[in-house]
């Protein structure tokens, strides 16, 4: 799951923190395994939330590592 963190650090974090470029990172933009691992981790968190969440109960996800969790839980 190393690619999960790598995706965040090389793609999402620069966008959220206004980095000027990704030139400092060595990775292939065409690799989908980082994105797939990122989604897999978000799916795991969403599955745990779905198990304990009550109907009409609000959840708060405060971490851009888990940015997909609310979307997955809503589906």
N, C-alpha and C. Protein backbone atom coordinates (compact mmCIF):
# COMPACT_ATOMS: atom_id res chain seq x y z
N UNK A 1 0.81 -1.20 0.00
CA UNK A 1 0.00 0.00 0.00
C UNK A 1 0.86 1.27 0.00
N UNK A 2 2.13 1.11 -0.23
CA UNK A 2 3.03 2.26 -0.28
C UNK A 2 2.56 3.28 -1.32
N UNK A 3 2.01 2.79 -2.41
CA UNK A 3 1.56 3.69 -3.47
C UNK A 3 0.41 4.58 -3.03
N UNK A 4 -0.32 4.16 -2.01
CA UNK A 4 -1.41 4.98 -1.47
C UNK A 4 -0.85 6.32 -0.98
N UNK A 5 0.20 6.27 -0.21
CA UNK A 5 0.83 7.49 0.31
C UNK A 5 1.52 8.24 -0.83
N UNK A 6 2.16 7.52 -1.71
CA UNK A 6 2.87 8.14 -2.83
C UNK A 6 1.91 8.95 -3.70
N UNK A 7 0.71 8.40 -3.95
CA UNK A 7 -0.28 9.13 -4.75
C UNK A 7 -0.65 10.44 -4.05
N UNK A 8 -0.90 10.36 -2.76
CA UNK A 8 -1.26 11.57 -2.02
C UNK A 8 -0.14 12.59 -2.07
N UNK A 9 1.07 12.15 -1.78
CA UNK A 9 2.20 13.07 -1.69
C UNK A 9 2.62 13.65 -3.04
N UNK A 10 2.38 12.94 -4.12
CA UNK A 10 2.85 13.42 -5.42
C UNK A 10 1.75 14.04 -6.28
N UNK A 11 0.49 13.82 -5.91
CA UNK A 11 -0.61 14.34 -6.73
C UNK A 11 -1.53 15.25 -5.93
N UNK A 12 -2.14 14.73 -4.88
CA UNK A 12 -3.12 15.52 -4.14
C UNK A 12 -2.49 16.63 -3.30
N UNK A 13 -1.46 16.28 -2.54
CA UNK A 13 -0.86 17.29 -1.65
C UNK A 13 -0.36 18.51 -2.42
N UNK A 14 0.35 18.32 -3.54
CA UNK A 14 0.77 19.51 -4.29
C UNK A 14 -0.41 20.38 -4.74
N UNK A 15 -1.52 19.74 -5.13
CA UNK A 15 -2.68 20.53 -5.55
C UNK A 15 -3.28 21.32 -4.39
N UNK A 16 -3.37 20.70 -3.23
CA UNK A 16 -3.98 21.35 -2.08
C UNK A 16 -3.09 22.41 -1.44
N UNK A 17 -1.79 22.31 -1.66
CA UNK A 17 -0.87 23.23 -1.00
C UNK A 17 -0.12 24.12 -1.99
N UNK A 18 -0.65 24.22 -3.19
CA UNK A 18 -0.15 25.15 -4.20
C UNK A 18 1.33 24.97 -4.54
N UNK A 19 1.77 23.72 -4.61
CA UNK A 19 3.13 23.48 -5.07
C UNK A 19 3.19 23.86 -6.54
N UNK A 20 4.30 24.35 -6.97
CA UNK A 20 4.42 24.82 -8.35
C UNK A 20 4.61 23.69 -9.35
N UNK A 21 5.13 22.55 -8.92
CA UNK A 21 5.34 21.46 -9.86
C UNK A 21 5.63 20.16 -9.16
N UNK A 22 5.61 19.12 -9.93
CA UNK A 22 5.85 17.79 -9.39
C UNK A 22 7.25 17.29 -9.79
N UNK A 23 8.11 18.18 -10.21
CA UNK A 23 9.42 17.78 -10.71
C UNK A 23 10.31 17.13 -9.65
N UNK A 24 10.03 17.38 -8.39
CA UNK A 24 10.85 16.79 -7.34
C UNK A 24 10.56 15.32 -7.11
N UNK A 25 9.47 14.83 -7.68
CA UNK A 25 9.05 13.45 -7.44
C UNK A 25 9.39 12.58 -8.63
N UNK A 26 9.81 11.38 -8.34
CA UNK A 26 10.10 10.43 -9.41
C UNK A 26 8.99 9.40 -9.45
N UNK A 27 8.10 9.56 -10.36
CA UNK A 27 7.08 8.55 -10.58
C UNK A 27 6.48 8.74 -11.95
N UNK A 28 5.91 7.69 -12.45
CA UNK A 28 5.35 7.66 -13.80
C UNK A 28 3.89 8.07 -13.75
N UNK A 29 3.55 9.18 -14.41
CA UNK A 29 2.16 9.67 -14.39
C UNK A 29 1.17 8.66 -14.97
N UNK A 30 1.65 7.75 -15.79
CA UNK A 30 0.76 6.76 -16.41
C UNK A 30 0.45 5.57 -15.53
N UNK A 31 1.02 5.52 -14.34
CA UNK A 31 0.80 4.37 -13.47
C UNK A 31 -0.53 4.52 -12.74
N UNK A 32 -1.37 3.53 -12.90
CA UNK A 32 -2.66 3.55 -12.23
C UNK A 32 -2.62 2.84 -10.88
N UNK A 33 -1.53 2.12 -10.59
CA UNK A 33 -1.50 1.37 -9.34
C UNK A 33 -1.53 2.28 -8.12
N UNK A 34 -0.96 3.47 -8.23
CA UNK A 34 -1.01 4.41 -7.11
C UNK A 34 -2.45 4.84 -6.85
N UNK A 35 -3.15 5.21 -7.91
CA UNK A 35 -4.55 5.62 -7.78
C UNK A 35 -5.40 4.47 -7.26
N UNK A 36 -5.18 3.27 -7.79
CA UNK A 36 -5.96 2.11 -7.35
C UNK A 36 -5.71 1.80 -5.88
N UNK A 37 -4.48 1.90 -5.43
CA UNK A 37 -4.19 1.68 -4.00
C UNK A 37 -4.80 2.79 -3.14
N UNK A 38 -4.77 4.00 -3.65
CA UNK A 38 -5.39 5.12 -2.93
C UNK A 38 -6.88 4.85 -2.74
N UNK A 39 -7.54 4.41 -3.80
CA UNK A 39 -8.97 4.08 -3.71
C UNK A 39 -9.22 2.89 -2.79
N UNK A 40 -8.33 1.90 -2.84
CA UNK A 40 -8.48 0.71 -2.01
C UNK A 40 -8.47 1.08 -0.52
N UNK A 41 -7.55 1.93 -0.13
CA UNK A 41 -7.48 2.36 1.27
C UNK A 41 -8.73 3.16 1.64
N UNK A 42 -9.17 4.03 0.76
CA UNK A 42 -10.40 4.79 1.02
C UNK A 42 -11.61 3.86 1.11
N UNK A 43 -11.64 2.82 0.27
CA UNK A 43 -12.71 1.82 0.34
C UNK A 43 -12.72 1.10 1.69
N UNK A 44 -11.54 0.78 2.21
CA UNK A 44 -11.45 0.10 3.50
C UNK A 44 -12.02 0.97 4.62
N UNK A 45 -11.66 2.23 4.63
CA UNK A 45 -12.20 3.14 5.64
C UNK A 45 -13.71 3.31 5.48
N UNK A 46 -14.17 3.44 4.25
CA UNK A 46 -15.61 3.59 4.00
C UNK A 46 -16.37 2.36 4.46
N UNK A 47 -15.83 1.18 4.24
CA UNK A 47 -16.49 -0.06 4.65
C UNK A 47 -16.63 -0.10 6.18
N UNK A 48 -15.59 0.32 6.89
CA UNK A 48 -15.67 0.35 8.35
C UNK A 48 -16.72 1.34 8.83
N UNK A 49 -16.78 2.49 8.18
CA UNK A 49 -17.77 3.51 8.56
C UNK A 49 -19.18 2.99 8.31
N UNK A 50 -19.40 2.34 7.16
CA UNK A 50 -20.73 1.82 6.83
C UNK A 50 -21.21 0.79 7.86
N UNK A 51 -20.26 0.03 8.43
CA UNK A 51 -20.64 -0.98 9.42
C UNK A 51 -21.18 -0.36 10.71
N UNK A 52 -20.65 0.78 11.09
CA UNK A 52 -21.03 1.36 12.39
C UNK A 52 -21.96 2.56 12.29
N UNK A 53 -22.08 3.14 11.10
CA UNK A 53 -22.88 4.35 10.91
C UNK A 53 -24.37 4.04 11.03
N UNK A 54 -25.07 4.85 11.80
CA UNK A 54 -26.52 4.74 11.92
C UNK A 54 -27.19 5.55 10.81
N UNK A 55 -28.42 5.22 10.50
CA UNK A 55 -29.17 5.94 9.47
C UNK A 55 -29.27 7.42 9.83
N UNK A 56 -29.07 8.27 8.86
CA UNK A 56 -29.13 9.74 8.98
C UNK A 56 -28.10 10.32 9.93
N UNK A 57 -27.13 9.53 10.32
CA UNK A 57 -26.05 10.01 11.16
C UNK A 57 -25.00 10.69 10.29
N UNK A 58 -24.49 11.82 10.75
CA UNK A 58 -23.49 12.55 9.99
C UNK A 58 -22.10 12.03 10.34
N UNK A 59 -21.25 11.95 9.33
CA UNK A 59 -19.86 11.61 9.57
C UNK A 59 -18.99 12.77 9.12
N UNK A 60 -17.83 12.87 9.72
CA UNK A 60 -16.89 13.93 9.37
C UNK A 60 -15.56 13.27 9.08
N UNK A 61 -15.07 13.48 7.87
CA UNK A 61 -13.76 12.96 7.47
C UNK A 61 -12.86 14.16 7.26
N UNK A 62 -11.87 14.28 8.12
CA UNK A 62 -11.01 15.46 8.09
C UNK A 62 -9.57 15.04 7.76
N UNK A 63 -9.37 14.61 6.54
CA UNK A 63 -8.04 14.20 6.12
C UNK A 63 -8.05 14.04 4.61
N UNK A 64 -7.17 14.73 3.93
CA UNK A 64 -7.19 14.61 2.47
C UNK A 64 -6.60 13.29 1.98
N UNK A 65 -6.02 12.49 2.88
CA UNK A 65 -5.65 11.13 2.51
C UNK A 65 -6.89 10.28 2.28
N UNK A 66 -7.99 10.70 2.87
CA UNK A 66 -9.26 9.96 2.80
C UNK A 66 -10.33 10.75 2.06
N UNK A 67 -9.93 11.50 1.08
CA UNK A 67 -10.84 12.42 0.40
C UNK A 67 -11.98 11.71 -0.34
N UNK A 68 -11.80 10.45 -0.68
CA UNK A 68 -12.83 9.72 -1.42
C UNK A 68 -13.85 9.03 -0.50
N UNK A 69 -13.55 8.95 0.78
CA UNK A 69 -14.42 8.23 1.71
C UNK A 69 -15.86 8.74 1.70
N UNK A 70 -16.11 10.04 1.80
CA UNK A 70 -17.52 10.50 1.80
C UNK A 70 -18.28 10.09 0.54
N UNK A 71 -17.63 10.14 -0.60
CA UNK A 71 -18.27 9.76 -1.86
C UNK A 71 -18.61 8.27 -1.84
N UNK A 72 -17.67 7.46 -1.37
CA UNK A 72 -17.89 6.01 -1.33
C UNK A 72 -19.01 5.66 -0.34
N UNK A 73 -19.02 6.31 0.81
CA UNK A 73 -20.06 6.03 1.82
C UNK A 73 -21.44 6.43 1.28
N UNK A 74 -21.52 7.57 0.60
CA UNK A 74 -22.80 8.03 0.06
C UNK A 74 -23.37 7.05 -0.96
N UNK A 75 -22.50 6.43 -1.74
CA UNK A 75 -22.98 5.48 -2.76
C UNK A 75 -23.55 4.28 -2.07
